[in-house]
């Protein structure tokens, strides 16, 4: 894991650092600085710094998840409200048609770390966006089954080879059929997602969607309504 960590860090950090190394000399060489050009360069530098910071945070989280339990701060919440708020905040939807199937009037009480769960959903959703063609559909649904709430995200993308449905949740693993997708990434989002789901007493798994594409399912335990919510929060 640590060897792979070093390898990925070196590879993924190379491009942002190269961009920054190219921009800084250009800025220094400007004899009569133009404010619009400086601002454009500054935006580019800020984007690269943000990318590096996000990469480092994800990699450190992956290593922590490999070595020990992640820090989970659970609080009572409603899964439908959580997913509704998360879908309202999505920014990567311009290229796709996102279809929300669930009713916002439904209620599924859970006790979760909302920030962590949103991170899991975002990782799954970004995969759906990145590995499906522009203009295709992405479905988001929330369902209840005995003892559990499910969040289901389906796409019309390239799918996952049947023998790799479990392997895509390994750290740094990327599907064998995505070479032509030209998508950046290190292959740790689903690894962290499954870890978070299991620390909640649930799970995260993948299925091939009939007709093509991928179906990702996040399962979380339902908070029994007879349990005192304040006590549950303190226990979490």
C-alpha atoms as a PDB file:
ATOM      1  CA  UNK A   1       0.000   0.000   0.000  1.00  0.00           C
ATOM      2  CA  UNK A   2       2.747   2.455   0.936  1.00  0.00           C
ATOM      3  CA  UNK A   3       4.777   1.646  -2.186  1.00  0.00           C
ATOM      4  CA  UNK A   4       1.717   2.236  -4.334  1.00  0.00           C
ATOM      5  CA  UNK A   5       1.008   5.444  -2.416  1.00  0.00           C
ATOM      6  CA  UNK A   6       4.440   6.831  -3.322  1.00  0.00           C
ATOM      7  CA  UNK A   7       4.056   5.773  -6.954  1.00  0.00           C
ATOM      8  CA  UNK A   8       0.645   7.398  -7.316  1.00  0.00           C
ATOM      9  CA  UNK A   9       1.730  10.573  -5.543  1.00  0.00           C
ATOM     10  CA  UNK A  10       4.640  10.986  -7.926  1.00  0.00           C
ATOM     11  CA  UNK A  11       2.526  10.382 -11.017  1.00  0.00           C
ATOM     12  CA  UNK A  12      -0.560  12.412 -10.107  1.00  0.00           C
ATOM     13  CA  UNK A  13       1.337  15.391  -8.662  1.00  0.00           C
ATOM     14  CA  UNK A  14       3.536  15.733 -11.722  1.00  0.00           C
ATOM     15  CA  UNK A  15       1.082  17.562 -14.006  1.00  0.00           C
ATOM     16  CA  UNK A  16      -0.099  20.239 -11.525  1.00  0.00           C
ATOM     17  CA  UNK A  17       3.484  20.954 -10.505  1.00  0.00           C
ATOM     18  CA  UNK A  18       4.554  21.260 -14.149  1.00  0.00           C
ATOM     19  CA  UNK A  19       1.767  23.771 -14.786  1.00  0.00           C
ATOM     20  CA  UNK A  20       2.797  25.844 -11.779  1.00  0.00           C
ATOM     21  CA  UNK A  21       6.458  25.683 -12.740  1.00  0.00           C
ATOM     22  CA  UNK A  22       5.568  27.023 -16.189  1.00  0.00           C
ATOM     23  CA  UNK A  23       3.290  29.829 -14.983  1.00  0.00           C
ATOM     24  CA  UNK A  24       5.489  31.361 -12.283  1.00  0.00           C
ATOM     25  CA  UNK A  25       8.402  32.221 -14.669  1.00  0.00           C
ATOM     26  CA  UNK A  26       5.898  33.700 -17.128  1.00  0.00           C
ATOM     27  CA  UNK A  27       4.522  35.954 -14.426  1.00  0.00           C
ATOM     28  CA  UNK A  28       8.029  36.992 -13.387  1.00  0.00           C
ATOM     29  CA  UNK A  29       8.939  37.853 -16.979  1.00  0.00           C
ATOM     30  CA  UNK A  30       6.051  40.303 -17.443  1.00  0.00           C
ATOM     31  CA  UNK A  31       7.647  43.729 -17.656  1.00  0.00           C
ATOM     32  CA  UNK A  32       4.324  45.567 -17.757  1.00  0.00           C
ATOM     33  CA  UNK A  33       1.915  43.285 -15.892  1.00  0.00           C
ATOM     34  CA  UNK A  34      -1.612  43.213 -17.276  1.00  0.00           C
ATOM     35  CA  UNK A  35      -4.147  42.777 -14.491  1.00  0.00           C
ATOM     36  CA  UNK A  36      -6.445  40.521 -16.548  1.00  0.00           C
ATOM     37  CA  UNK A  37      -3.529  38.244 -17.456  1.00  0.00           C
ATOM     38  CA  UNK A  38      -2.335  38.116 -13.852  1.00  0.00           C
ATOM     39  CA  UNK A  39      -5.827  37.184 -12.702  1.00  0.00           C
ATOM     40  CA  UNK A  40      -6.064  34.464 -15.332  1.00  0.00           C
ATOM     41  CA  UNK A  41      -2.728  33.011 -14.239  1.00  0.00           C
ATOM     42  CA  UNK A  42      -3.769  33.276 -10.591  1.00  0.00           C
ATOM     43  CA  UNK A  43      -6.986  31.336 -11.270  1.00  0.00           C
ATOM     44  CA  UNK A  44      -4.991  28.617 -12.989  1.00  0.00           C
ATOM     45  CA  UNK A  45      -2.516  28.428 -10.113  1.00  0.00           C
ATOM     46  CA  UNK A  46      -5.352  28.289  -7.580  1.00  0.00           C
ATOM     47  CA  UNK A  47      -7.010  25.436  -9.503  1.00  0.00           C
ATOM     48  CA  UNK A  48      -3.760  23.448  -9.501  1.00  0.00           C
ATOM     49  CA  UNK A  49      -3.225  24.050  -5.785  1.00  0.00           C
ATOM     50  CA  UNK A  50      -6.791  22.933  -5.070  1.00  0.00           C
ATOM     51  CA  UNK A  51      -6.252  19.801  -7.134  1.00  0.00           C
ATOM     52  CA  UNK A  52      -3.055  18.974  -5.258  1.00  0.00           C
ATOM     53  CA  UNK A  53      -4.666  19.564  -1.871  1.00  0.00           C
ATOM     54  CA  UNK A  54      -7.613  17.329  -2.766  1.00  0.00           C
ATOM     55  CA  UNK A  55      -5.297  14.605  -4.060  1.00  0.00           C
ATOM     56  CA  UNK A  56      -3.180  14.642  -0.916  1.00  0.00           C
ATOM     57  CA  UNK A  57      -6.247  14.545   1.343  1.00  0.00           C
ATOM     58  CA  UNK A  58      -7.718  11.578  -0.573  1.00  0.00           C
ATOM     59  CA  UNK A  59      -4.454   9.656  -0.525  1.00  0.00           C
ATOM     60  CA  UNK A  60      -3.917  10.222   3.183  1.00  0.00           C
ATOM     61  CA  UNK A  61      -7.506   9.143   3.871  1.00  0.00           C
ATOM     62  CA  UNK A  62      -6.954   5.987   1.821  1.00  0.00           C
ATOM     63  CA  UNK A  63      -3.820   5.121   3.776  1.00  0.00           C
ATOM     64  CA  UNK A  64      -5.603   5.774   7.063  1.00  0.00           C
ATOM     65  CA  UNK A  65      -8.473   3.536   5.947  1.00  0.00           C
ATOM     66  CA  UNK A  66      -6.009   0.780   5.123  1.00  0.00           C
ATOM     67  CA  UNK A  67      -4.207   0.932   8.460  1.00  0.00           C
ATOM     68  CA  UNK A  68      -7.034   1.703  10.891  1.00  0.00           C
ATOM     69  CA  UNK A  69     -10.638   2.762  11.280  1.00  0.00           C
ATOM     70  CA  UNK A  70     -11.582   6.172   9.891  1.00  0.00           C
ATOM     71  CA  UNK A  71     -12.949   8.787  12.261  1.00  0.00           C
ATOM     72  CA  UNK A  72     -16.737   8.615  11.990  1.00  0.00           C
ATOM     73  CA  UNK A  73     -18.976  11.106  13.804  1.00  0.00           C
ATOM     74  CA  UNK A  74     -22.526   9.769  13.582  1.00  0.00           C
ATOM     75  CA  UNK A  75     -25.644  11.820  14.162  1.00  0.00           C
ATOM     76  CA  UNK A  76     -29.353  11.067  13.570  1.00  0.00           C
ATOM     77  CA  UNK A  77     -30.448  12.152  10.105  1.00  0.00           C
ATOM     78  CA  UNK A  78     -32.983  11.394   7.439  1.00  0.00           C
ATOM     79  CA  UNK A  79     -31.475   9.606   4.454  1.00  0.00           C
ATOM     80  CA  UNK A  80     -33.973  11.081   2.004  1.00  0.00           C
ATOM     81  CA  UNK A  81     -33.236  14.630   3.182  1.00  0.00           C
ATOM     82  CA  UNK A  82     -29.501  13.967   3.054  1.00  0.00           C
ATOM     83  CA  UNK A  83     -29.645  12.688  -0.528  1.00  0.00           C
ATOM     84  CA  UNK A  84     -32.024  15.468  -1.585  1.00  0.00           C
ATOM     85  CA  UNK A  85     -29.683  18.149  -0.238  1.00  0.00           C
ATOM     86  CA  UNK A  86     -26.711  16.423  -1.854  1.00  0.00           C
ATOM     87  CA  UNK A  87     -28.386  16.233  -5.271  1.00  0.00           C
ATOM     88  CA  UNK A  88     -29.367  19.910  -5.001  1.00  0.00           C
ATOM     89  CA  UNK A  89     -25.675  20.772  -4.627  1.00  0.00           C
ATOM     90  CA  UNK A  90     -24.385  18.761  -7.585  1.00  0.00           C
ATOM     91  CA  UNK A  91     -22.256  20.791  -9.967  1.00  0.00           C
ATOM     92  CA  UNK A  92     -21.193  18.142 -12.489  1.00  0.00           C
ATOM     93  CA  UNK A  93     -24.607  17.750 -14.091  1.00  0.00           C
ATOM     94  CA  UNK A  94     -24.384  19.945 -17.181  1.00  0.00           C
ATOM     95  CA  UNK A  95     -23.085  17.110 -19.362  1.00  0.00           C
ATOM     96  CA  UNK A  96     -25.701  14.591 -18.248  1.00  0.00           C
ATOM     97  CA  UNK A  97     -29.390  14.256 -17.537  1.00  0.00           C
ATOM     98  CA  UNK A  98     -29.727  13.550 -13.814  1.00  0.00           C
ATOM     99  CA  UNK A  99     -33.045  11.923 -12.894  1.00  0.00           C
ATOM    100  CA  UNK A 100     -34.140  11.877  -9.263  1.00  0.00           C
ATOM    101  CA  UNK A 101     -36.516   8.949  -8.771  1.00  0.00           C
ATOM    102  CA  UNK A 102     -37.296   9.149  -5.056  1.00  0.00           C
ATOM    103  CA  UNK A 103     -40.017  11.165  -3.356  1.00  0.00           C
ATOM    104  CA  UNK A 104     -38.740  13.876  -1.022  1.00  0.00           C
ATOM    105  CA  UNK A 105     -41.750  13.162   1.201  1.00  0.00           C
ATOM    106  CA  UNK A 106     -40.424   9.713   2.186  1.00  0.00           C
ATOM    107  CA  UNK A 107     -38.606   9.266   5.486  1.00  0.00           C
ATOM    108  CA  UNK A 108     -35.745   6.866   6.245  1.00  0.00           C
ATOM    109  CA  UNK A 109     -34.170   7.592   9.662  1.00  0.00           C
ATOM    110  CA  UNK A 110     -30.468   6.762   9.915  1.00  0.00           C
ATOM    111  CA  UNK A 111     -27.559   7.559  12.225  1.00  0.00           C
ATOM    112  CA  UNK A 112     -24.618   8.572  10.036  1.00  0.00           C
ATOM    113  CA  UNK A 113     -21.669  10.863   9.536  1.00  0.00           C
ATOM    114  CA  UNK A 114     -23.388  13.039   6.939  1.00  0.00           C
ATOM    115  CA  UNK A 115     -20.155  14.548   5.640  1.00  0.00           C
ATOM    116  CA  UNK A 116     -18.643  11.108   5.068  1.00  0.00           C
ATOM    117  CA  UNK A 117     -21.785   9.795   3.380  1.00  0.00           C
ATOM    118  CA  UNK A 118     -21.925  12.792   1.045  1.00  0.00           C
ATOM    119  CA  UNK A 119     -18.302  12.063   0.175  1.00  0.00           C
ATOM    120  CA  UNK A 120     -19.217   8.479  -0.733  1.00  0.00           C
ATOM    121  CA  UNK A 121     -22.125   9.609  -2.905  1.00  0.00           C
ATOM    122  CA  UNK A 122     -19.960  12.207  -4.632  1.00  0.00           C
ATOM    123  CA  UNK A 123     -17.272   9.643  -5.462  1.00  0.00           C
ATOM    124  CA  UNK A 124     -19.873   7.293  -6.953  1.00  0.00           C
ATOM    125  CA  UNK A 125     -21.573  10.098  -8.866  1.00  0.00           C
ATOM    126  CA  UNK A 126     -18.288  11.405 -10.296  1.00  0.00           C
ATOM    127  CA  UNK A 127     -17.520   7.923 -11.601  1.00  0.00           C
ATOM    128  CA  UNK A 128     -20.945   7.830 -13.249  1.00  0.00           C
ATOM    129  CA  UNK A 129     -20.230  11.180 -14.911  1.00  0.00           C
ATOM    130  CA  UNK A 130     -16.658  10.383 -15.944  1.00  0.00           C
ATOM    131  CA  UNK A 131     -17.324   6.947 -17.392  1.00  0.00           C
ATOM    132  CA  UNK A 132     -20.446   7.720 -19.407  1.00  0.00           C
ATOM    133  CA  UNK A 133     -20.885   9.769 -22.534  1.00  0.00           C
ATOM    134  CA  UNK A 134     -22.120  13.331 -22.500  1.00  0.00           C
ATOM    135  CA  UNK A 135     -25.895  13.570 -22.671  1.00  0.00           C
ATOM    136  CA  UNK A 136     -26.593  10.168 -21.128  1.00  0.00           C
ATOM    137  CA  UNK A 137     -28.772   9.650 -18.082  1.00  0.00           C
ATOM    138  CA  UNK A 138     -27.866   9.157 -14.420  1.00  0.00           C
ATOM    139  CA  UNK A 139     -30.587   7.935 -12.058  1.00  0.00           C
ATOM    140  CA  UNK A 140     -30.554   8.543  -8.301  1.00  0.00           C
ATOM    141  CA  UNK A 141     -32.982   6.691  -6.050  1.00  0.00           C
ATOM    142  CA  UNK A 142     -33.514   6.110  -2.323  1.00  0.00           C
ATOM    143  CA  UNK A 143     -35.381   3.041  -1.122  1.00  0.00           C
ATOM    144  CA  UNK A 144     -36.148   1.307   2.137  1.00  0.00           C
ATOM    145  CA  UNK A 145     -35.861  -2.408   2.795  1.00  0.00           C
ATOM    146  CA  UNK A 146     -36.201  -4.248   6.126  1.00  0.00           C
ATOM    147  CA  UNK A 147     -33.574  -2.793   8.436  1.00  0.00           C
ATOM    148  CA  UNK A 148     -31.768  -0.748   5.786  1.00  0.00           C
ATOM    149  CA  UNK A 149     -31.970   2.287   3.555  1.00  0.00           C
ATOM    150  CA  UNK A 150     -30.526   2.119   0.049  1.00  0.00           C
ATOM    151  CA  UNK A 151     -29.120   4.846  -2.164  1.00  0.00           C
ATOM    152  CA  UNK A 152     -28.895   3.662  -5.787  1.00  0.00           C
ATOM    153  CA  UNK A 153     -26.994   5.493  -8.514  1.00  0.00           C
ATOM    154  CA  UNK A 154     -27.215   4.130 -12.065  1.00  0.00           C
ATOM    155  CA  UNK A 155     -25.590   5.286 -15.289  1.00  0.00           C
ATOM    156  CA  UNK A 156     -25.429   4.377 -18.980  1.00  0.00           C
ATOM    157  CA  UNK A 157     -21.644   4.264 -19.089  1.00  0.00           C
ATOM    158  CA  UNK A 158     -18.980   1.719 -19.967  1.00  0.00           C
ATOM    159  CA  UNK A 159     -19.889  -0.590 -17.101  1.00  0.00           C
ATOM    160  CA  UNK A 160     -17.537  -2.877 -15.170  1.00  0.00           C
ATOM    161  CA  UNK A 161     -16.325  -6.308 -16.320  1.00  0.00           C
ATOM    162  CA  UNK A 162     -18.138  -8.971 -14.342  1.00  0.00           C
ATOM    163  CA  UNK A 163     -14.966 -10.345 -12.773  1.00  0.00           C
ATOM    164  CA  UNK A 164     -13.940  -6.867 -11.584  1.00  0.00           C
ATOM    165  CA  UNK A 165     -17.108  -5.865  -9.721  1.00  0.00           C
ATOM    166  CA  UNK A 166     -15.355  -6.508  -6.396  1.00  0.00           C
ATOM    167  CA  UNK A 167     -11.872  -5.442  -7.446  1.00  0.00           C
ATOM    168  CA  UNK A 168     -12.905  -1.859  -8.233  1.00  0.00           C
ATOM    169  CA  UNK A 169     -13.186  -1.346  -4.462  1.00  0.00           C
ATOM    170  CA  UNK A 170      -9.518  -2.137  -3.918  1.00  0.00           C
ATOM    171  CA  UNK A 171      -7.214   0.798  -3.285  1.00  0.00           C
ATOM    172  CA  UNK A 172      -5.675   2.244  -6.471  1.00  0.00           C
ATOM    173  CA  UNK A 173      -7.485  -0.250  -8.715  1.00  0.00           C
ATOM    174  CA  UNK A 174      -8.983   1.047 -11.965  1.00  0.00           C
ATOM    175  CA  UNK A 175     -11.103  -1.006 -14.341  1.00  0.00           C
ATOM    176  CA  UNK A 176      -9.417  -2.716 -17.268  1.00  0.00           C
ATOM    177  CA  UNK A 177     -11.951  -1.265 -19.729  1.00  0.00           C
ATOM    178  CA  UNK A 178     -11.463   2.450 -19.043  1.00  0.00           C
ATOM    179  CA  UNK A 179      -8.217   3.136 -20.911  1.00  0.00           C
ATOM    180  CA  UNK A 180     -10.075   4.956 -23.706  1.00  0.00           C
ATOM    181  CA  UNK A 181     -12.074   7.128 -21.298  1.00  0.00           C
ATOM    182  CA  UNK A 182      -9.147   9.509 -20.674  1.00  0.00           C
ATOM    183  CA  UNK A 183     -10.208  10.154 -17.077  1.00  0.00           C
ATOM    184  CA  UNK A 184      -7.783  11.321 -14.400  1.00  0.00           C
ATOM    185  CA  UNK A 185      -7.916   9.577 -11.063  1.00  0.00           C
ATOM    186  CA  UNK A 186      -6.042   7.332  -8.695  1.00  0.00           C
ATOM    187  CA  UNK A 187      -8.685   4.719  -7.937  1.00  0.00           C
ATOM    188  CA  UNK A 188      -9.326   5.350  -4.243  1.00  0.00           C
ATOM    189  CA  UNK A 189     -12.816   6.888  -4.114  1.00  0.00           C
ATOM    190  CA  UNK A 190     -14.664   3.565  -4.082  1.00  0.00           C
ATOM    191  CA  UNK A 191     -12.113   2.052  -1.700  1.00  0.00           C
ATOM    192  CA  UNK A 192     -12.782   4.808   0.827  1.00  0.00           C
ATOM    193  CA  UNK A 193     -16.524   4.619   0.124  1.00  0.00           C
ATOM    194  CA  UNK A 194     -16.775   0.926   0.997  1.00  0.00           C
ATOM    195  CA  UNK A 195     -14.728   1.492   4.142  1.00  0.00           C
ATOM    196  CA  UNK A 196     -17.044   4.293   5.262  1.00  0.00           C
ATOM    197  CA  UNK A 197     -20.161   2.247   4.473  1.00  0.00           C
ATOM    198  CA  UNK A 198     -18.933  -0.762   6.450  1.00  0.00           C
ATOM    199  CA  UNK A 199     -17.964   1.373   9.438  1.00  0.00           C
ATOM    200  CA  UNK A 200     -21.603   2.481   9.462  1.00  0.00           C
ATOM    201  CA  UNK A 201     -22.716  -1.150   9.545  1.00  0.00           C
ATOM    202  CA  UNK A 202     -23.668  -1.047   5.866  1.00  0.00           C
ATOM    203  CA  UNK A 203     -21.987  -1.733   2.554  1.00  0.00           C
ATOM    204  CA  UNK A 204     -21.274  -0.383  -0.918  1.00  0.00           C
ATOM    205  CA  UNK A 205     -21.257  -2.602  -3.983  1.00  0.00           C
ATOM    206  CA  UNK A 206     -21.505  -2.510  -7.777  1.00  0.00           C
ATOM    207  CA  UNK A 207     -23.719  -4.296 -10.280  1.00  0.00           C
ATOM    208  CA  UNK A 208     -23.925  -4.186 -14.039  1.00  0.00           C
ATOM    209  CA  UNK A 209     -27.073  -2.430 -15.114  1.00  0.00           C
ATOM    210  CA  UNK A 210     -29.311  -4.304 -17.563  1.00  0.00           C
ATOM    211  CA  UNK A 211     -29.001  -2.541 -20.895  1.00  0.00           C
ATOM    212  CA  UNK A 212     -25.517  -1.258 -20.143  1.00  0.00           C
ATOM    213  CA  UNK A 213     -23.859   0.875 -17.523  1.00  0.00           C
ATOM    214  CA  UNK A 214     -23.290   0.514 -13.800  1.00  0.00           C
ATOM    215  CA  UNK A 215     -25.516   0.396 -10.747  1.00  0.00           C
ATOM    216  CA  UNK A 216     -23.880   1.386  -7.443  1.00  0.00           C
ATOM    217  CA  UNK A 217     -25.752   0.656  -4.218  1.00  0.00           C
ATOM    218  CA  UNK A 218     -25.017   2.186  -0.815  1.00  0.00           C
ATOM    219  CA  UNK A 219     -26.745   0.369   2.052  1.00  0.00           C
ATOM    220  CA  UNK A 220     -27.058   1.911   5.530  1.00  0.00           C
ATOM    221  CA  UNK A 221     -28.794   0.608   8.671  1.00  0.00           C
ATOM    222  CA  UNK A 222     -32.104   2.224   9.516  1.00  0.00           C
ATOM    223  CA  UNK A 223     -32.304   3.914  12.899  1.00  0.00           C
ATOM    224  CA  UNK A 224     -35.125   2.231  14.761  1.00  0.00           C
ATOM    225  CA  UNK A 225     -37.749   4.882  15.379  1.00  0.00           C
ATOM    226  CA  UNK A 226     -38.331   3.701  18.949  1.00  0.00           C
ATOM    227  CA  UNK A 227     -34.719   4.532  19.849  1.00  0.00           C
ATOM    228  CA  UNK A 228     -34.243   7.895  21.535  1.00  0.00           C
ATOM    229  CA  UNK A 229     -32.513  10.131  19.001  1.00  0.00           C
ATOM    230  CA  UNK A 230     -30.479  12.046  21.584  1.00  0.00           C
ATOM    231  CA  UNK A 231     -29.110   8.836  23.081  1.00  0.00           C
ATOM    232  CA  UNK A 232     -28.273   7.539  19.611  1.00  0.00           C
ATOM    233  CA  UNK A 233     -26.371  10.721  18.824  1.00  0.00           C
ATOM    234  CA  UNK A 234     -24.350  10.422  22.024  1.00  0.00           C
ATOM    235  CA  UNK A 235     -23.578   6.769  21.295  1.00  0.00           C
ATOM    236  CA  UNK A 236     -22.365   7.725  17.776  1.00  0.00           C
END
